Amino acid sequence: MAGRDRLETVRDAYRAYETKDRELVEGVLAADFVFYSPPDPGIDRDAYFERCWPNAETIASFELVRLVEIGGDEVLATYESTKADGRRFRNTEIHHFEGERVDRVEVYFGWDL
């Protein structure tokens, strides 16, 4: 990939949640970004910021267990996250890229740790 490293771009997305830096995550996501998870199947960028971004307040940290570029345009990330109240969980996400920005994320919920 010319320009920005995709793995670092995905790291920035998680870092934005840890630091509550909405501007950072806005710079990572494409204008036509779409988010998929079981409760939010195919929501657009505006709905993502309305429904998902408030969760940044509940996140203390992410530990990336797996971060791998796959299929040319995708990055697979498995993480263990610690919430502000100490509870922990594990998920896997696929970040799809259009150029240097993430245009789609698919979340596969894991379990509580």
PDB file of N, CA and C in Angstrom:
ATOM      1  N   MET A   1       0.845  -1.175   0.000  1.00  0.00           N
ATOM      2  CA  MET A   1       0.000   0.000   0.000  1.00  0.00           C
ATOM      3  C   MET A   1       0.885   1.230   0.000  1.00  0.00           C
ATOM      4  N   ALA A   2       0.619   2.121  -0.876  1.00  0.00           N
ATOM      5  CA  ALA A   2       1.339   3.388  -0.879  1.00  0.00           C
ATOM      6  C   ALA A   2       0.792   4.255   0.235  1.00  0.00           C
ATOM      7  N   GLY A   3       1.634   5.062   0.810  1.00  0.00           N
ATOM      8  CA  GLY A   3       1.168   5.957   1.871  1.00  0.00           C
ATOM      9  C   GLY A   3       1.093   5.268   3.214  1.00  0.00           C
ATOM     10  N   ARG A   4       0.070   5.577   3.942  1.00  0.00           N
ATOM     11  CA  ARG A   4      -0.095   5.133   5.331  1.00  0.00           C
ATOM     12  C   ARG A   4      -0.229   3.611   5.462  1.00  0.00           C
ATOM     13  N   ASP A   5       0.403   3.070   6.483  1.00  0.00           N
ATOM     14  CA  ASP A   5       0.349   1.646   6.786  1.00  0.00           C
ATOM     15  C   ASP A   5      -1.036   1.281   7.335  1.00  0.00           C
ATOM     16  N   ARG A   6      -1.654   0.266   6.777  1.00  0.00           N
ATOM     17  CA  ARG A   6      -3.008  -0.118   7.188  1.00  0.00           C
ATOM     18  C   ARG A   6      -3.061  -0.642   8.619  1.00  0.00           C
ATOM     19  N   LEU A   7      -2.049  -1.364   9.030  1.00  0.00           N
ATOM     20  CA  LEU A   7      -2.037  -1.858  10.407  1.00  0.00           C
ATOM     21  C   LEU A   7      -2.004  -0.693  11.395  1.00  0.00           C
ATOM     22  N   GLU A   8      -1.221   0.328  11.078  1.00  0.00           N
ATOM     23  CA  GLU A   8      -1.153   1.498  11.951  1.00  0.00           C
ATOM     24  C   GLU A   8      -2.483   2.264  11.931  1.00  0.00           C
ATOM     25  N   THR A   9      -3.146   2.294  10.795  1.00  0.00           N
ATOM     26  CA  THR A   9      -4.453   2.942  10.709  1.00  0.00           C
ATOM     27  C   THR A   9      -5.453   2.261  11.643  1.00  0.00           C
ATOM     28  N   VAL A  10      -5.458   0.935  11.643  1.00  0.00           N
ATOM     29  CA  VAL A  10      -6.360   0.192  12.528  1.00  0.00           C
ATOM     30  C   VAL A  10      -5.968   0.422  13.991  1.00  0.00           C
ATOM     31  N   ARG A  11      -4.678   0.421  14.281  1.00  0.00           N
ATOM     32  CA  ARG A  11      -4.239   0.730  15.652  1.00  0.00           C
ATOM     33  C   ARG A  11      -4.769   2.094  16.093  1.00  0.00           C
ATOM     34  N   ASP A  12      -4.726   3.063  15.166  1.00  0.00           N
ATOM     35  CA  ASP A  12      -5.236   4.403  15.486  1.00  0.00           C
ATOM     36  C   ASP A  12      -6.719   4.378  15.835  1.00  0.00           C
ATOM     37  N   ALA A  13      -7.490   3.533  15.161  1.00  0.00           N
ATOM     38  CA  ALA A  13      -8.922   3.445  15.460  1.00  0.00           C
ATOM     39  C   ALA A  13      -9.144   2.999  16.901  1.00  0.00           C
ATOM     40  N   TYR A  14      -8.383   2.005  17.347  1.00  0.00           N
ATOM     41  CA  TYR A  14      -8.507   1.544  18.734  1.00  0.00           C
ATOM     42  C   TYR A  14      -7.941   2.582  19.703  1.00  0.00           C
ATOM     43  N   ARG A  15      -6.847   3.210  19.336  1.00  0.00           N
ATOM     44  CA  ARG A  15      -6.243   4.254  20.171  1.00  0.00           C
ATOM     45  C   ARG A  15      -7.228   5.400  20.392  1.00  0.00           C
ATOM     46  N   ALA A  16      -8.011   5.722  19.372  1.00  0.00           N
ATOM     47  CA  ALA A  16      -9.000   6.791  19.489  1.00  0.00           C
ATOM     48  C   ALA A  16     -10.008   6.483  20.594  1.00  0.00           C
ATOM     49  N   TYR A  17     -10.427   5.233  20.695  1.00  0.00           N
ATOM     50  CA  TYR A  17     -11.349   4.855  21.762  1.00  0.00           C
ATOM     51  C   TYR A  17     -10.678   4.946  23.126  1.00  0.00           C
ATOM     52  N   GLU A  18      -9.437   4.520  23.204  1.00  0.00           N
ATOM     53  CA  GLU A  18      -8.719   4.575  24.488  1.00  0.00           C
ATOM     54  C   GLU A  18      -8.524   6.012  24.965  1.00  0.00           C
ATOM     55  N   THR A  19      -8.258   6.907  24.028  1.00  0.00           N
ATOM     56  CA  THR A  19      -7.942   8.303  24.385  1.00  0.00           C
ATOM     57  C   THR A  19      -9.140   9.237  24.238  1.00  0.00           C
ATOM     58  N   LYS A  20     -10.277   8.673  23.795  1.00  0.00           N
ATOM     59  CA  LYS A  20     -11.520   9.452  23.605  1.00  0.00           C
ATOM     60  C   LYS A  20     -11.328  10.549  22.557  1.00  0.00           C
ATOM     61  N   ASP A  21     -10.530  10.248  21.524  1.00  0.00           N
ATOM     62  CA  ASP A  21     -10.156  11.216  20.487  1.00  0.00           C
ATOM     63  C   ASP A  21     -11.002  10.991  19.233  1.00  0.00           C
ATOM     64  N   ARG A  22     -12.167  11.596  19.213  1.00  0.00           N
ATOM     65  CA  ARG A  22     -13.082  11.416  18.074  1.00  0.00           C
ATOM     66  C   ARG A  22     -12.446  11.899  16.769  1.00  0.00           C
ATOM     67  N   GLU A  23     -11.700  12.975  16.814  1.00  0.00           N
ATOM     68  CA  GLU A  23     -11.058  13.499  15.601  1.00  0.00           C
ATOM     69  C   GLU A  23     -10.127  12.459  14.988  1.00  0.00           C
ATOM     70  N   LEU A  24      -9.425  11.702  15.819  1.00  0.00           N
ATOM     71  CA  LEU A  24      -8.533  10.660  15.316  1.00  0.00           C
ATOM     72  C   LEU A  24      -9.320   9.597  14.563  1.00  0.00           C
ATOM     73  N   VAL A  25     -10.398   9.106  15.150  1.00  0.00           N
ATOM     74  CA  VAL A  25     -11.170   8.058  14.476  1.00  0.00           C
ATOM     75  C   VAL A  25     -11.875   8.612  13.243  1.00  0.00           C
ATOM     76  N   GLU A  26     -12.316   9.865  13.268  1.00  0.00           N
ATOM     77  CA  GLU A  26     -12.935  10.455  12.081  1.00  0.00           C
ATOM     78  C   GLU A  26     -11.960  10.467  10.909  1.00  0.00           C
ATOM     79  N   GLY A  27     -10.683  10.677  11.183  1.00  0.00           N
ATOM     80  CA  GLY A  27      -9.671  10.692  10.133  1.00  0.00           C
ATOM     81  C   GLY A  27      -9.360   9.328   9.561  1.00  0.00           C
ATOM     82  N   VAL A  28      -9.698   8.287  10.285  1.00  0.00           N
ATOM     83  CA  VAL A  28      -9.453   6.908   9.858  1.00  0.00           C
ATOM     84  C   VAL A  28     -10.575   6.399   8.948  1.00  0.00           C
ATOM     85  N   LEU A  29     -11.791   6.877   9.190  1.00  0.00           N
ATOM     86  CA  LEU A  29     -12.969   6.343   8.500  1.00  0.00           C
ATOM     87  C   LEU A  29     -13.297   7.119   7.229  1.00  0.00           C
ATOM     88  N   ALA A  30     -13.648   6.383   6.186  1.00  0.00           N
ATOM     89  CA  ALA A  30     -14.062   6.980   4.915  1.00  0.00           C
ATOM     90  C   ALA A  30     -15.411   7.678   5.075  1.00  0.00           C
ATOM     91  N   ALA A  31     -15.692   8.610   4.193  1.00  0.00           N
ATOM     92  CA  ALA A  31     -16.959   9.346   4.221  1.00  0.00           C
ATOM     93  C   ALA A  31     -18.155   8.407   4.046  1.00  0.00           C
ATOM     94  N   ASP A  32     -17.979   7.322   3.277  1.00  0.00           N
ATOM     95  CA  ASP A  32     -19.064   6.369   3.031  1.00  0.00           C
ATOM     96  C   ASP A  32     -18.958   5.127   3.924  1.00  0.00           C
ATOM     97  N   PHE A  33     -18.344   5.266   5.084  1.00  0.00           N
ATOM     98  CA  PHE A  33     -18.141   4.183   6.044  1.00  0.00           C
ATOM     99  C   PHE A  33     -19.462   3.501   6.404  1.00  0.00           C
ATOM    100  N   VAL A  34     -19.400   2.159   6.510  1.00  0.00           N
ATOM    101  CA  VAL A  34     -20.543   1.349   6.931  1.00  0.00           C
ATOM    102  C   VAL A  34     -20.062   0.387   8.014  1.00  0.00           C
ATOM    103  N   PHE A  35     -20.873   0.233   9.057  1.00  0.00           N
ATOM    104  CA  PHE A  35     -20.530  -0.581  10.222  1.00  0.00           C
ATOM    105  C   PHE A  35     -21.530  -1.723  10.368  1.00  0.00           C
ATOM    106  N   TYR A  36     -20.995  -2.927  10.596  1.00  0.00           N
ATOM    107  CA  TYR A  36     -21.827  -4.113  10.764  1.00  0.00           C
ATOM    108  C   TYR A  36     -21.511  -4.783  12.096  1.00  0.00           C
ATOM    109  N   SER A  37     -22.545  -5.037  12.865  1.00  0.00           N
ATOM    110  CA  SER A  37     -22.473  -5.880  14.059  1.00  0.00           C
ATOM    111  C   SER A  37     -23.870  -6.474  14.232  1.00  0.00           C
ATOM    112  N   PRO A  38     -24.018  -7.496  15.069  1.00  0.00           N
ATOM    113  CA  PRO A  38     -25.362  -8.079  15.215  1.00  0.00           C
ATOM    114  C   PRO A  38     -26.452  -7.054  15.548  1.00  0.00           C
ATOM    115  N   PRO A  39     -26.229  -6.095  16.476  1.00  0.00           N
ATOM    116  CA  PRO A  39     -27.307  -5.142  16.727  1.00  0.00           C
ATOM    117  C   PRO A  39     -27.352  -3.972  15.746  1.00  0.00           C
ATOM    118  N   ASP A  40     -26.311  -3.802  14.940  1.00  0.00           N
ATOM    119  CA  ASP A  40     -26.223  -2.662  14.008  1.00  0.00           C
ATOM    120  C   ASP A  40     -25.798  -3.143  12.625  1.00  0.00           C
ATOM    121  N   PRO A  41     -26.663  -3.853  11.921  1.00  0.00           N
ATOM    122  CA  PRO A  41     -26.278  -4.425  10.624  1.00  0.00           C
ATOM    123  C   PRO A  41     -26.329  -3.411   9.482  1.00  0.00           C
ATOM    124  N   GLY A  42     -25.193  -2.799   9.191  1.00  0.00           N
ATOM    125  CA  GLY A  42     -25.107  -1.918   8.033  1.00  0.00           C
ATOM    126  C   GLY A  42     -25.469  -0.475   8.295  1.00  0.00           C
ATOM    127  N   ILE A  43     -25.073   0.054   9.444  1.00  0.00           N
ATOM    128  CA  ILE A  43     -25.366   1.464   9.717  1.00  0.00           C
ATOM    129  C   ILE A  43     -24.303   2.367   9.079  1.00  0.00           C
ATOM    130  N   ASP A  44     -24.700   3.574   8.725  1.00  0.00           N
ATOM    131  CA  ASP A  44     -23.779   4.503   8.074  1.00  0.00           C
ATOM    132  C   ASP A  44     -22.913   5.232   9.103  1.00  0.00           C
ATOM    133  N   ARG A  45     -22.046   6.071   8.610  1.00  0.00           N
ATOM    134  CA  ARG A  45     -21.082   6.785   9.454  1.00  0.00           C
ATOM    135  C   ARG A  45     -21.771   7.632  10.535  1.00  0.00           C
ATOM    136  N   ASP A  46     -22.812   8.368  10.163  1.00  0.00           N
ATOM    137  CA  ASP A  46     -23.511   9.198  11.140  1.00  0.00           C
ATOM    138  C   ASP A  46     -24.130   8.348  12.250  1.00  0.00           C
ATOM    139  N   ALA A  47     -24.773   7.256  11.875  1.00  0.00           N
ATOM    140  CA  ALA A  47     -25.381   6.374  12.875  1.00  0.00           C
ATOM    141  C   ALA A  47     -24.303   5.718  13.741  1.00  0.00           C
ATOM    142  N   TYR A  48     -23.167   5.390  13.135  1.00  0.00           N
ATOM    143  CA  TYR A  48     -22.050   4.826  13.904  1.00  0.00           C
ATOM    144  C   TYR A  48     -21.619   5.789  15.012  1.00  0.00           C
ATOM    145  N   PHE A  49     -21.433   7.058  14.669  1.00  0.00           N
ATOM    146  CA  PHE A  49     -21.005   8.015  15.686  1.00  0.00           C
ATOM    147  C   PHE A  49     -22.102   8.252  16.730  1.00  0.00           C
ATOM    148  N   GLU A  50     -23.342   8.144  16.318  1.00  0.00           N
ATOM    149  CA  GLU A  50     -24.445   8.319  17.262  1.00  0.00           C
ATOM    150  C   GLU A  50     -24.580   7.127  18.204  1.00  0.00           C
ATOM    151  N   ARG A  51     -24.465   5.914  17.662  1.00  0.00           N
ATOM    152  CA  ARG A  51     -24.734   4.708  18.443  1.00  0.00           C
ATOM    153  C   ARG A  51     -23.505   4.089  19.073  1.00  0.00           C
ATOM    154  N   CYS A  52     -22.365   4.124  18.385  1.00  0.00           N
ATOM    155  CA  CYS A  52     -21.183   3.384  18.827  1.00  0.00           C
ATOM    156  C   CYS A  52     -20.131   4.245  19.524  1.00  0.00           C
ATOM    157  N   TRP A  53     -19.899   5.448  19.021  1.00  0.00           N
ATOM    158  CA  TRP A  53     -18.856   6.284  19.601  1.00  0.00           C
ATOM    159  C   TRP A  53     -19.041   6.548  21.093  1.00  0.00           C
ATOM    160  N   PRO A  54     -20.263   6.714  21.615  1.00  0.00           N
ATOM    161  CA  PRO A  54     -20.404   6.920  23.065  1.00  0.00           C
ATOM    162  C   PRO A  54     -19.767   5.811  23.909  1.00  0.00           C
ATOM    163  N   ASN A  55     -19.571   4.619  23.327  1.00  0.00           N
ATOM    164  CA  ASN A  55     -18.909   3.532  24.050  1.00  0.00           C
ATOM    165  C   ASN A  55     -17.462   3.852  24.401  1.00  0.00           C
ATOM    166  N   ALA A  56     -16.878   4.836  23.747  1.00  0.00           N
ATOM    167  CA  ALA A  56     -15.501   5.225  24.072  1.00  0.00           C
ATOM    168  C   ALA A  56     -15.385   5.584  25.548  1.00  0.00           C
ATOM    169  N   GLU A  57     -16.445   6.129  26.115  1.00  0.00           N
ATOM    170  CA  GLU A  57     -16.418   6.509  27.539  1.00  0.00           C
ATOM    171  C   GLU A  57     -16.313   5.303  28.453  1.00  0.00           C
ATOM    172  N   THR A  58     -16.682   4.126  27.959  1.00  0.00           N
ATOM    173  CA  THR A  58     -16.646   2.918  28.794  1.00  0.00           C
ATOM    174  C   THR A  58     -15.376   2.105  28.599  1.00  0.00           C
ATOM    175  N   ILE A  59     -14.529   2.480  27.646  1.00  0.00           N
ATOM    176  CA  ILE A  59     -13.326   1.708  27.317  1.00  0.00           C
ATOM    177  C   ILE A  59     -12.098   2.289  28.000  1.00  0.00           C
ATOM    178  N   ALA A  60     -11.349   1.424  28.682  1.00  0.00           N
ATOM    179  CA  ALA A  60     -10.076   1.838  29.272  1.00  0.00           C
ATOM    180  C   ALA A  60      -8.917   1.494  28.340  1.00  0.00           C
ATOM    181  N   SER A  61      -8.959   0.269  27.750  1.00  0.00           N
ATOM    182  CA  SER A  61      -7.825  -0.127  26.911  1.00  0.00           C
ATOM    183  C   SER A  61      -8.186  -1.278  25.983  1.00  0.00           C
ATOM    184  N   PHE A  62      -7.350  -1.423  24.956  1.00  0.00           N
ATOM    185  CA  PHE A  62      -7.397  -2.551  24.034  1.00  0.00           C
ATOM    186  C   PHE A  62      -6.028  -3.206  24.014  1.00  0.00           C
ATOM    187  N   GLU A  63      -6.012  -4.518  24.028  1.00  0.00           N
ATOM    188  CA  GLU A  63      -4.790  -5.277  23.790  1.00  0.00           C
ATOM    189  C   GLU A  63      -5.014  -6.057  22.503  1.00  0.00           C
ATOM    190  N   LEU A  64      -4.256  -5.718  21.459  1.00  0.00           N
ATOM    191  CA  LEU A  64      -4.416  -6.397  20.181  1.00  0.00           C
ATOM    192  C   LEU A  64      -3.718  -7.750  20.254  1.00  0.00           C
ATOM    193  N   VAL A  65      -4.519  -8.808  20.172  1.00  0.00           N
ATOM    194  CA  VAL A  65      -4.026 -10.179  20.237  1.00  0.00           C
ATOM    195  C   VAL A  65      -3.573 -10.636  18.856  1.00  0.00           C
ATOM    196  N   ARG A  66      -4.282 -10.154  17.836  1.00  0.00           N
ATOM    197  CA  ARG A  66      -4.012 -10.532  16.451  1.00  0.00           C
ATOM    198  C   ARG A  66      -4.291  -9.312  15.595  1.00  0.00           C
ATOM    199  N   LEU A  67      -3.355  -8.969  14.726  1.00  0.00           N
ATOM    200  CA  LEU A  67      -3.529  -7.864  13.786  1.00  0.00           C
ATOM    201  C   LEU A  67      -2.805  -8.259  12.511  1.00  0.00           C
ATOM    202  N   VAL A  68      -3.613  -8.628  11.485  1.00  0.00           N
ATOM    203  CA  VAL A  68      -3.053  -9.225  10.278  1.00  0.00           C
ATOM    204  C   VAL A  68      -3.724  -8.631   9.052  1.00  0.00           C
ATOM    205  N   GLU A  69      -2.917  -8.241   8.072  1.00  0.00           N
ATOM    206  CA  GLU A  69      -3.457  -7.790   6.797  1.00  0.00           C
ATOM    207  C   GLU A  69      -3.830  -9.035   5.992  1.00  0.00           C
ATOM    208  N   ILE A  70      -5.066  -9.058   5.484  1.00  0.00           N
ATOM    209  CA  ILE A  70      -5.552 -10.220   4.733  1.00  0.00           C
ATOM    210  C   ILE A  70      -6.193  -9.760   3.431  1.00  0.00           C
ATOM    211  N   GLY A  71      -6.114 -10.575   2.443  1.00  0.00           N
ATOM    212  CA  GLY A  71      -6.842 -10.348   1.209  1.00  0.00           C
ATOM    213  C   GLY A  71      -6.575  -9.039   0.497  1.00  0.00           C
ATOM    214  N   GLY A  72      -5.486  -8.365   0.803  1.00  0.00           N
ATOM    215  CA  GLY A  72      -5.137  -7.152   0.084  1.00  0.00           C
ATOM    216  C   GLY A  72      -5.781  -5.881   0.581  1.00  0.00           C
ATOM    217  N   ASP A  73      -7.077  -5.922   0.906  1.00  0.00           N
ATOM    218  CA  ASP A  73      -7.790  -4.706   1.310  1.00  0.00           C
ATOM    219  C   ASP A  73      -8.371  -4.789   2.715  1.00  0.00           C
ATOM    220  N   GLU A  74      -7.998  -5.818   3.476  1.00  0.00           N
ATOM    221  CA  GLU A  74      -8.611  -6.002   4.784  1.00  0.00           C
ATOM    222  C   GLU A  74      -7.562  -6.234   5.865  1.00  0.00           C
ATOM    223  N   VAL A  75      -7.931  -5.835   7.074  1.00  0.00           N
ATOM    224  CA  VAL A  75      -7.126  -6.108   8.261  1.00  0.00           C
ATOM    225  C   VAL A  75      -8.026  -6.809   9.262  1.00  0.00           C
ATOM    226  N   LEU A  76      -7.564  -7.952   9.752  1.00  0.00           N
ATOM    227  CA  LEU A  76      -8.267  -8.705  10.767  1.00  0.00           C
ATOM    228  C   LEU A  76      -7.650  -8.362  12.116  1.00  0.00           C
ATOM    229  N   ALA A  77      -8.495  -8.011  13.083  1.00  0.00           N
ATOM    230  CA  ALA A  77      -8.028  -7.658  14.421  1.00  0.00           C
ATOM    231  C   ALA A  77      -8.826  -8.437  15.456  1.00  0.00           C
ATOM    232  N   THR A  78      -8.118  -9.130  16.324  1.00  0.00           N
ATOM    233  CA  THR A  78      -8.727  -9.715  17.513  1.00  0.00           C
ATOM    234  C   THR A  78      -8.148  -8.961  18.694  1.00  0.00           C
ATOM    235  N   TYR A  79      -9.018  -8.563  19.618  1.00  0.00           N
ATOM    236  CA  TYR A  79      -8.553  -7.777  20.748  1.00  0.00           C
ATOM    237  C   TYR A  79      -9.222  -8.224  22.033  1.00  0.00           C
ATOM    238  N   GLU A  80      -8.536  -7.931  23.118  1.00  0.00           N
ATOM    239  CA  GLU A  80      -9.103  -8.039  24.448  1.00  0.00           C
ATOM    240  C   GLU A  80      -9.163  -6.632  24.995  1.00  0.00           C
ATOM    241  N   SER A  81     -10.333  -6.247  25.447  1.00  0.00           N
ATOM    242  CA  SER A  81     -10.551  -4.888  25.911  1.00  0.00           C
ATOM    243  C   SER A  81     -10.903  -4.889  27.390  1.00  0.00           C
ATOM    244  N   THR A  82     -10.421  -3.867  28.070  1.00  0.00           N
ATOM    245  CA  THR A  82     -10.777  -3.653  29.466  1.00  0.00           C
ATOM    246  C   THR A  82     -11.640  -2.407  29.535  1.00  0.00           C
ATOM    247  N   LYS A  83     -12.788  -2.559  30.182  1.00  0.00           N
ATOM    248  CA  LYS A  83     -13.691  -1.420  30.363  1.00  0.00           C
ATOM    249  C   LYS A  83     -13.256  -0.599  31.576  1.00  0.00           C
ATOM    250  N   ALA A  84     -13.763   0.592  31.658  1.00  0.00           N
ATOM    251  CA  ALA A  84     -13.423   1.490  32.765  1.00  0.00           C
ATOM    252  C   ALA A  84     -13.762   0.874  34.120  1.00  0.00           C
ATOM    253  N   ASP A  85     -14.776   0.015  34.172  1.00  0.00           N
ATOM    254  CA  ASP A  85     -15.163  -0.618  35.442  1.00  0.00           C
ATOM    255  C   ASP A  85     -14.397  -1.911  35.718  1.00  0.00           C
ATOM    256  N   GLY A  86     -13.416  -2.248  34.857  1.00  0.00           N
ATOM    257  CA  GLY A  86     -12.588  -3.432  35.067  1.00  0.00           C
ATOM    258  C   GLY A  86     -13.045  -4.684  34.344  1.00  0.00           C
ATOM    259  N   ARG A  87     -14.283  -4.705  33.859  1.00  0.00           N
ATOM    260  CA  ARG A  87     -14.741  -5.881  33.102  1.00  0.00           C
ATOM    261  C   ARG A  87     -13.957  -5.986  31.804  1.00  0.00           C
ATOM    262  N   ARG A  88     -13.796  -7.221  31.310  1.00  0.00           N
ATOM    263  CA  ARG A  88     -13.019  -7.450  30.093  1.00  0.00           C
ATOM    264  C   ARG A  88     -13.822  -8.290  29.098  1.00  0.00           C
ATOM    265  N   PHE A  89     -13.530  -8.095  27.809  1.00  0.00           N
ATOM    266  CA  PHE A  89     -14.177  -8.878  26.754  1.00  0.00           C
ATOM    267  C   PHE A  89     -13.226  -9.034  25.577  1.00  0.00           C
ATOM    268  N   ARG A  90     -13.575  -9.956  24.684  1.00  0.00           N
ATOM    269  CA  ARG A  90     -12.751 -10.257  23.504  1.00  0.00           C
ATOM    270  C   ARG A  90     -13.648 -10.281  22.275  1.00  0.00           C
ATOM    271  N   ASN A  91     -13.223  -9.609  21.199  1.00  0.00           N
ATOM    272  CA  ASN A  91     -13.944  -9.573  19.924  1.00  0.00           C
ATOM    273  C   ASN A  91     -12.956  -9.709  18.777  1.00  0.00           C
ATOM    274  N   THR A  92     -13.495  -9.964  17.603  1.00  0.00           N
ATOM    275  CA  THR A  92     -12.724  -9.937  16.359  1.00  0.00           C
ATOM    276  C   THR A  92     -13.441  -9.016  15.387  1.00  0.00           C
ATOM    277  N   GLU A  93     -12.665  -8.233  14.650  1.00  0.00           N
ATOM    278  CA  GLU A  93     -13.216  -7.306  13.664  1.00  0.00           C
ATOM    279  C   GLU A  93     -12.440  -7.426  12.356  1.00  0.00           C
ATOM    280  N   ILE A  94     -13.144  -7.188  11.267  1.00  0.00           N
ATOM    281  CA  ILE A  94     -12.512  -7.084   9.950  1.00  0.00           C
ATOM    282  C   ILE A  94     -12.704  -5.656   9.472  1.00  0.00           C
ATOM    283  N   HIS A  95     -11.591  -5.000   9.175  1.00  0.00           N
ATOM    284  CA  HIS A  95     -11.585  -3.617   8.689  1.00  0.00           C
ATOM    285  C   HIS A  95     -11.286  -3.658   7.196  1.00  0.00           C
ATOM    286  N   HIS A  96     -12.216  -3.200   6.378  1.00  0.00           N
ATOM    287  CA  HIS A  96     -12.027  -3.165   4.929  1.00  0.00           C
ATOM    288  C   HIS A  96     -11.607  -1.759   4.523  1.00  0.00           C
ATOM    289  N   PHE A  97     -10.632  -1.682   3.632  1.00  0.00           N
ATOM    290  CA  PHE A  97     -10.090  -0.401   3.194  1.00  0.00           C
ATOM    291  C   PHE A  97     -10.484  -0.068   1.774  1.00  0.00           C
ATOM    292  N   GLU A  98     -10.738   1.200   1.560  1.00  0.00           N
ATOM    293  CA  GLU A  98     -10.827   1.800   0.229  1.00  0.00           C
ATOM    294  C   GLU A  98      -9.746   2.870   0.243  1.00  0.00           C
ATOM    295  N   GLY A  99      -8.651   2.598  -0.440  1.00  0.00           N
ATOM    296  CA  GLY A  99      -7.503   3.500  -0.372  1.00  0.00           C
ATOM    297  C   GLY A  99      -6.876   3.443   1.001  1.00  0.00           C
ATOM    298  N   GLU A 100      -6.708   4.611   1.627  1.00  0.00           N
ATOM    299  CA  GLU A 100      -6.044   4.677   2.928  1.00  0.00           C
ATOM    300  C   GLU A 100      -7.017   4.760   4.100  1.00  0.00           C
ATOM    301  N   ARG A 101      -8.312   4.710   3.827  1.00  0.00           N
ATOM    302  CA  ARG A 101      -9.306   4.831   4.900  1.00  0.00           C
ATOM    303  C   ARG A 101     -10.162   3.572   5.004  1.00  0.00           C
ATOM    304  N   VAL A 102     -10.658   3.345   6.191  1.00  0.00           N
ATOM    305  CA  VAL A 102     -11.540   2.210   6.449  1.00  0.00           C
ATOM    306  C   VAL A 102     -12.944   2.576   5.968  1.00  0.00           C
ATOM    307  N   ASP A 103     -13.484   1.752   5.065  1.00  0.00           N
ATOM    308  CA  ASP A 103     -14.837   2.038   4.571  1.00  0.00           C
ATOM    309  C   ASP A 103     -15.881   1.055   5.090  1.00  0.00           C
ATOM    310  N   ARG A 104     -15.419   0.002   5.778  1.00  0.00           N
ATOM    311  CA  ARG A 104     -16.367  -0.968   6.339  1.00  0.00           C
ATOM    312  C   ARG A 104     -15.699  -1.701   7.500  1.00  0.00           C
ATOM    313  N   VAL A 105     -16.451  -1.896   8.559  1.00  0.00           N
ATOM    314  CA  VAL A 105     -16.003  -2.728   9.680  1.00  0.00           C
ATOM    315  C   VAL A 105     -17.092  -3.738   9.971  1.00  0.00           C
ATOM    316  N   GLU A 106     -16.670  -4.999  10.132  1.00  0.00           N
ATOM    317  CA  GLU A 106     -17.562  -6.080  10.549  1.00  0.00           C
ATOM    318  C   GLU A 106     -17.082  -6.542  11.919  1.00  0.00           C
ATOM    319  N   VAL A 107     -17.975  -6.519  12.905  1.00  0.00           N
ATOM    320  CA  VAL A 107     -17.631  -6.941  14.262  1.00  0.00           C
ATOM    321  C   VAL A 107     -18.237  -8.306  14.536  1.00  0.00           C
ATOM    322  N   TYR A 108     -17.404  -9.209  15.045  1.00  0.00           N
ATOM    323  CA  TYR A 108     -17.840 -10.535  15.467  1.00  0.00           C
ATOM    324  C   TYR A 108     -17.604 -10.626  16.964  1.00  0.00           C
ATOM    325  N   PHE A 109     -18.696 -10.565  17.730  1.00  0.00           N
ATOM    326  CA  PHE A 109     -18.595 -10.554  19.174  1.00  0.00           C
ATOM    327  C   PHE A 109     -18.009 -11.858  19.683  1.00  0.00           C
ATOM    328  N   GLY A 110     -17.159 -11.715  20.664  1.00  0.00           N
ATOM    329  CA  GLY A 110     -16.540 -12.878  21.300  1.00  0.00           C
ATOM    330  C   GLY A 110     -17.221 -13.198  22.595  1.00  0.00           C
ATOM    331  N   TRP A 111     -16.514 -12.962  23.686  1.00  0.00           N
ATOM    332  CA  TRP A 111     -17.041 -13.339  24.985  1.00  0.00           C
ATOM    333  C   TRP A 111     -16.450 -12.449  26.068  1.00  0.00           C
ATOM    334  N   ASP A 112     -17.055 -12.530  27.243  1.00  0.00           N
ATOM    335  CA  ASP A 112     -16.513 -11.842  28.405  1.00  0.00           C
ATOM    336  C   ASP A 112     -15.338 -12.643  28.919  1.00  0.00           C
ATOM    337  N   LEU A 113     -14.351 -11.935  29.424  1.00  0.00           N
ATOM    338  CA  LEU A 113     -13.161 -12.603  29.971  1.00  0.00           C
ATOM    339  C   LEU A 113     -13.193 -12.590  31.489  1.00  0.00           C
TER     340      LEU A 113
END
